[in-house]
C-alpha atoms as a PDB file:
ATOM      1  CA  UNK A   1     102.606  46.028  97.924  1.00  0.00           C
ATOM      2  CA  UNK A   2     103.038  43.405 100.584  1.00  0.00           C
ATOM      3  CA  UNK A   3     106.273  43.116 102.529  1.00  0.00           C
ATOM      4  CA  UNK A   4     109.046  45.487 103.574  1.00  0.00           C
ATOM      5  CA  UNK A   5     109.762  48.696 101.684  1.00  0.00           C
ATOM      6  CA  UNK A   6     113.161  48.442  99.939  1.00  0.00           C
ATOM      7  CA  UNK A   7     115.919  50.750 101.236  1.00  0.00           C
ATOM      8  CA  UNK A   8     115.939  54.123  99.478  1.00  0.00           C
ATOM      9  CA  UNK A   9     112.361  53.741  98.265  1.00  0.00           C
ATOM     10  CA  UNK A  10     109.058  55.339  99.233  1.00  0.00           C
ATOM     11  CA  UNK A  11     105.556  54.069  98.647  1.00  0.00           C
ATOM     12  CA  UNK A  12     103.708  55.767  95.819  1.00  0.00           C
ATOM     13  CA  UNK A  13      99.998  55.580  95.236  1.00  0.00           C
ATOM     14  CA  UNK A  14      99.329  54.188  91.765  1.00  0.00           C
ATOM     15  CA  UNK A  15      96.577  56.786  91.230  1.00  0.00           C
ATOM     16  CA  UNK A  16      99.216  59.546  91.806  1.00  0.00           C
ATOM     17  CA  UNK A  17      96.945  61.522  94.134  1.00  0.00           C
ATOM     18  CA  UNK A  18      98.684  63.165  97.081  1.00  0.00           C
ATOM     19  CA  UNK A  19      95.587  62.807  99.271  1.00  0.00           C
ATOM     20  CA  UNK A  20      95.022  59.107  98.496  1.00  0.00           C
ATOM     21  CA  UNK A  21      94.470  56.974 101.597  1.00  0.00           C
ATOM     22  CA  UNK A  22      93.396  53.754  99.872  1.00  0.00           C
ATOM     23  CA  UNK A  23      94.946  50.937 101.933  1.00  0.00           C
ATOM     24  CA  UNK A  24      94.780  48.184  99.288  1.00  0.00           C
ATOM     25  CA  UNK A  25      98.289  46.652  98.845  1.00  0.00           C
ATOM     26  CA  UNK A  26      98.004  46.519  95.041  1.00  0.00           C
ATOM     27  CA  UNK A  27      97.375  50.267  95.024  1.00  0.00           C
ATOM     28  CA  UNK A  28     100.898  51.088  96.268  1.00  0.00           C
ATOM     29  CA  UNK A  29     104.296  50.592  94.677  1.00  0.00           C
ATOM     30  CA  UNK A  30     107.855  51.198  95.903  1.00  0.00           C
ATOM     31  CA  UNK A  31     109.633  53.959  93.996  1.00  0.00           C
ATOM     32  CA  UNK A  32     112.873  55.909  94.386  1.00  0.00           C
ATOM     33  CA  UNK A  33     112.762  59.728  94.717  1.00  0.00           C
ATOM     34  CA  UNK A  34     114.406  60.052  91.276  1.00  0.00           C
ATOM     35  CA  UNK A  35     111.755  57.879  89.633  1.00  0.00           C
ATOM     36  CA  UNK A  36     109.010  59.761  91.434  1.00  0.00           C
ATOM     37  CA  UNK A  37     110.271  63.050  89.993  1.00  0.00           C
ATOM     38  CA  UNK A  38     109.991  61.624  86.473  1.00  0.00           C
ATOM     39  CA  UNK A  39     106.532  60.073  86.731  1.00  0.00           C
ATOM     40  CA  UNK A  40     104.593  62.509  88.904  1.00  0.00           C
ATOM     41  CA  UNK A  41     102.396  65.256  87.493  1.00  0.00           C
ATOM     42  CA  UNK A  42     102.347  67.753  90.373  1.00  0.00           C
ATOM     43  CA  UNK A  43     103.447  71.338  89.565  1.00  0.00           C
ATOM     44  CA  UNK A  44     106.594  71.237  91.726  1.00  0.00           C
ATOM     45  CA  UNK A  45     107.917  68.152  89.958  1.00  0.00           C
ATOM     46  CA  UNK A  46     107.060  69.549  86.529  1.00  0.00           C
ATOM     47  CA  UNK A  47     108.933  72.794  87.303  1.00  0.00           C
ATOM     48  CA  UNK A  48     111.937  70.832  88.566  1.00  0.00           C
ATOM     49  CA  UNK A  49     112.112  69.038  85.210  1.00  0.00           C
ATOM     50  CA  UNK A  50     112.399  72.290  83.224  1.00  0.00           C
ATOM     51  CA  UNK A  51     115.797  72.927  81.644  1.00  0.00           C
ATOM     52  CA  UNK A  52     115.061  76.446  80.381  1.00  0.00           C
ATOM     53  CA  UNK A  53     112.902  79.407  81.418  1.00  0.00           C
ATOM     54  CA  UNK A  54     109.927  80.715  79.426  1.00  0.00           C
ATOM     55  CA  UNK A  55     112.292  82.960  77.432  1.00  0.00           C
ATOM     56  CA  UNK A  56     114.667  80.121  76.538  1.00  0.00           C
ATOM     57  CA  UNK A  57     117.478  80.871  79.016  1.00  0.00           C
ATOM     58  CA  UNK A  58     119.109  77.736  80.469  1.00  0.00           C
ATOM     59  CA  UNK A  59     118.126  76.745  84.005  1.00  0.00           C
ATOM     60  CA  UNK A  60     120.714  73.966  84.248  1.00  0.00           C
ATOM     61  CA  UNK A  61     124.309  73.469  83.165  1.00  0.00           C
ATOM     62  CA  UNK A  62     127.329  75.755  82.869  1.00  0.00           C
ATOM     63  CA  UNK A  63     125.523  78.684  81.246  1.00  0.00           C
ATOM     64  CA  UNK A  64     122.697  78.803  83.775  1.00  0.00           C
ATOM     65  CA  UNK A  65     122.279  82.090  85.649  1.00  0.00           C
ATOM     66  CA  UNK A  66     119.734  80.980  88.214  1.00  0.00           C
ATOM     67  CA  UNK A  67     118.876  82.031  91.745  1.00  0.00           C
ATOM     68  CA  UNK A  68     117.814  79.067  93.895  1.00  0.00           C
ATOM     69  CA  UNK A  69     115.484  79.982  96.754  1.00  0.00           C
ATOM     70  CA  UNK A  70     115.800  78.247 100.152  1.00  0.00           C
ATOM     71  CA  UNK A  71     112.601  76.297  99.394  1.00  0.00           C
ATOM     72  CA  UNK A  72     114.182  74.902  96.196  1.00  0.00           C
ATOM     73  CA  UNK A  73     112.395  77.185  93.729  1.00  0.00           C
ATOM     74  CA  UNK A  74     114.422  78.646  90.865  1.00  0.00           C
ATOM     75  CA  UNK A  75     114.325  82.016  89.135  1.00  0.00           C
ATOM     76  CA  UNK A  76     116.118  83.018  85.941  1.00  0.00           C
ATOM     77  CA  UNK A  77     118.290  86.007  86.850  1.00  0.00           C
ATOM     78  CA  UNK A  78     118.382  87.348  83.275  1.00  0.00           C
ATOM     79  CA  UNK A  79     114.586  87.461  83.107  1.00  0.00           C
ATOM     80  CA  UNK A  80     114.411  89.021  86.580  1.00  0.00           C
ATOM     81  CA  UNK A  81     116.857  91.778  85.570  1.00  0.00           C
ATOM     82  CA  UNK A  82     114.911  92.454  82.361  1.00  0.00           C
ATOM     83  CA  UNK A  83     111.679  92.667  84.343  1.00  0.00           C
ATOM     84  CA  UNK A  84     113.205  95.074  86.855  1.00  0.00           C
ATOM     85  CA  UNK A  85     114.597  97.319  84.092  1.00  0.00           C
ATOM     86  CA  UNK A  86     111.234  97.429  82.340  1.00  0.00           C
ATOM     87  CA  UNK A  87     109.322  97.984  85.569  1.00  0.00           C
ATOM     88  CA  UNK A  88     111.593 100.767  86.781  1.00  0.00           C
ATOM     89  CA  UNK A  89     111.618 102.417  83.351  1.00  0.00           C
ATOM     90  CA  UNK A  90     107.836 102.409  83.100  1.00  0.00           C
ATOM     91  CA  UNK A  91     107.158 103.639  86.622  1.00  0.00           C
ATOM     92  CA  UNK A  92     110.165 105.841  87.244  1.00  0.00           C
ATOM     93  CA  UNK A  93     112.867 105.374  89.818  1.00  0.00           C
ATOM     94  CA  UNK A  94     112.525 106.712  93.341  1.00  0.00           C
ATOM     95  CA  UNK A  95     116.304 107.130  93.623  1.00  0.00           C
ATOM     96  CA  UNK A  96     116.065 110.791  92.517  1.00  0.00           C
ATOM     97  CA  UNK A  97     113.849 111.706  95.473  1.00  0.00           C
ATOM     98  CA  UNK A  98     116.735 111.320  97.893  1.00  0.00           C
ATOM     99  CA  UNK A  99     119.171 113.463  95.870  1.00  0.00           C
ATOM    100  CA  UNK A 100     119.816 117.064  97.069  1.00  0.00           C
ATOM    101  CA  UNK A 101     118.974 119.895  94.716  1.00  0.00           C
ATOM    102  CA  UNK A 102     121.915 121.228  92.686  1.00  0.00           C
ATOM    103  CA  UNK A 103     123.420 124.493  94.007  1.00  0.00           C
ATOM    104  CA  UNK A 104     121.965 127.672  92.544  1.00  0.00           C
ATOM    105  CA  UNK A 105     118.650 126.149  91.532  1.00  0.00           C
ATOM    106  CA  UNK A 106     116.770 126.679  94.784  1.00  0.00           C
ATOM    107  CA  UNK A 107     113.357 128.224  95.266  1.00  0.00           C
ATOM    108  CA  UNK A 108     113.243 131.908  94.244  1.00  0.00           C
END
């Protein structure tokens, strides 16, 4: 690309490598952030394009029950709850350790 970068656009390397430093003008093209999200193959962009989790729960729309981390990552809350239930059930809960013994059942 030769000339000014259009407003709202970034330069993208045609080879789609993040570490590309090739200065040749024909090796760069102006692209909007929305277009970049559709054409790139990096893992972050691919995850952002997902509309449902691995178990088929929606990640977008009205029915989505998703926690969005400060860094932009998403986690399906239904899957997280299921994981926690399974994990706690398999390994036992530590909540009972803090409970006092019932009266009358002390050490003899």
